[in-house]
């Protein structure tokens, strides 16, 4: 898997509102009605991640869920990260 150039990453992030680059990851925080809804969202993200074989870091703080994604094998960001972000955004 090939790492994305800065230009390709910027283009991809332009199509993913709410996601931003943080070093070698892309991240987004989702806010939900309450803890129960946040946990349901995490469950759906888990199903998507398992299907793709690509797993985000997940941090839950009551009704907020922060996701961070990178491709460790490539040592940075790849198309796989952008695809996972697109699929996660489709859950909402």
Protein backbone atom coordinates (compact mmCIF):
# COMPACT_ATOMS: atom_id res chain seq x y z
CA UNK A 1 0.00 0.00 0.00
CA UNK A 2 1.41 3.38 -1.04
CA UNK A 3 1.33 6.45 1.17
CA UNK A 4 -0.68 9.39 -0.14
CA UNK A 5 1.07 12.55 -1.24
CA UNK A 6 0.14 15.72 0.63
CA UNK A 7 -1.80 16.88 -2.44
CA UNK A 8 -3.79 13.65 -2.72
CA UNK A 9 -4.49 13.68 1.00
CA UNK A 10 -5.68 17.29 0.89
CA UNK A 11 -7.97 16.45 -2.04
CA UNK A 12 -9.39 13.42 -0.21
CA UNK A 13 -9.94 15.34 3.01
CA UNK A 14 -11.73 18.04 1.02
CA UNK A 15 -14.42 15.43 0.36
CA UNK A 16 -14.64 14.42 4.03
CA UNK A 17 -16.07 17.30 6.08
CA UNK A 18 -15.12 17.10 9.72
CA UNK A 19 -12.01 14.98 9.17
CA UNK A 20 -8.60 16.58 9.60
CA UNK A 21 -4.99 15.55 9.40
CA UNK A 22 -3.09 15.09 12.64
CA UNK A 23 0.43 14.08 11.69
CA UNK A 24 0.28 10.58 10.20
CA UNK A 25 -3.42 10.14 11.03
CA UNK A 26 -6.76 11.57 10.02
CA UNK A 27 -9.22 12.16 12.82
CA UNK A 28 -12.76 13.23 13.52
CA UNK A 29 -14.93 13.63 16.60
CA UNK A 30 -18.62 12.76 16.38
CA UNK A 31 -21.11 14.06 18.94
CA UNK A 32 -24.22 12.04 19.75
CA UNK A 33 -27.36 12.53 21.83
CA UNK A 34 -26.05 10.48 24.76
CA UNK A 35 -23.71 7.68 25.82
CA UNK A 36 -25.98 4.90 24.58
CA UNK A 37 -26.12 6.37 21.04
CA UNK A 38 -22.35 6.91 21.09
CA UNK A 39 -21.81 3.23 21.94
CA UNK A 40 -24.18 2.14 19.16
CA UNK A 41 -22.15 4.27 16.74
CA UNK A 42 -18.94 2.60 17.93
CA UNK A 43 -20.52 -0.81 17.29
CA UNK A 44 -21.34 0.15 13.69
CA UNK A 45 -17.85 1.55 13.18
CA UNK A 46 -16.49 -1.75 14.47
CA UNK A 47 -18.50 -3.71 11.93
CA UNK A 48 -17.24 -1.53 9.09
CA UNK A 49 -13.66 -1.77 10.34
CA UNK A 50 -13.83 -5.56 10.64
CA UNK A 51 -15.27 -5.89 7.13
CA UNK A 52 -12.41 -3.78 5.77
CA UNK A 53 -9.72 -5.30 7.98
CA UNK A 54 -8.72 -1.74 8.89
CA UNK A 55 -9.25 -0.53 12.45
CA UNK A 56 -9.37 3.03 13.83
CA UNK A 57 -8.29 4.15 17.26
CA UNK A 58 -11.49 4.90 19.17
CA UNK A 59 -11.89 7.17 22.19
CA UNK A 60 -15.32 7.47 23.83
CA UNK A 61 -16.09 10.37 26.18
CA UNK A 62 -19.76 10.19 27.20
CA UNK A 63 -21.54 11.34 24.02
CA UNK A 64 -18.41 12.10 21.95
CA UNK A 65 -16.54 9.53 19.89
CA UNK A 66 -13.13 10.42 18.48
CA UNK A 67 -11.76 8.27 15.68
CA UNK A 68 -8.18 8.34 14.39
CA UNK A 69 -7.08 6.36 11.35
CA UNK A 70 -3.71 5.51 9.80
CA UNK A 71 -2.18 2.65 7.85
CA UNK A 72 0.55 1.36 10.14
CA UNK A 73 1.96 -1.04 7.51
CA UNK A 74 2.57 1.87 5.13
CA UNK A 75 3.90 4.17 7.84
CA UNK A 76 1.30 6.84 7.15
CA UNK A 77 -1.91 7.67 5.33
CA UNK A 78 -3.22 5.72 2.34
CA UNK A 79 -6.37 5.44 0.25
CA UNK A 80 -7.52 2.80 2.72
CA UNK A 81 -7.76 5.46 5.45
CA UNK A 82 -9.86 7.76 3.28
CA UNK A 83 -12.13 4.85 2.31
CA UNK A 84 -12.68 3.90 5.95
CA UNK A 85 -13.54 7.52 6.78
CA UNK A 86 -16.03 7.61 3.86
CA UNK A 87 -17.71 4.44 5.02
CA UNK A 88 -17.89 5.62 8.62
CA UNK A 89 -19.49 8.87 7.52
CA UNK A 90 -22.10 6.79 5.70
CA UNK A 91 -23.19 5.31 9.03
CA UNK A 92 -24.50 8.63 10.37
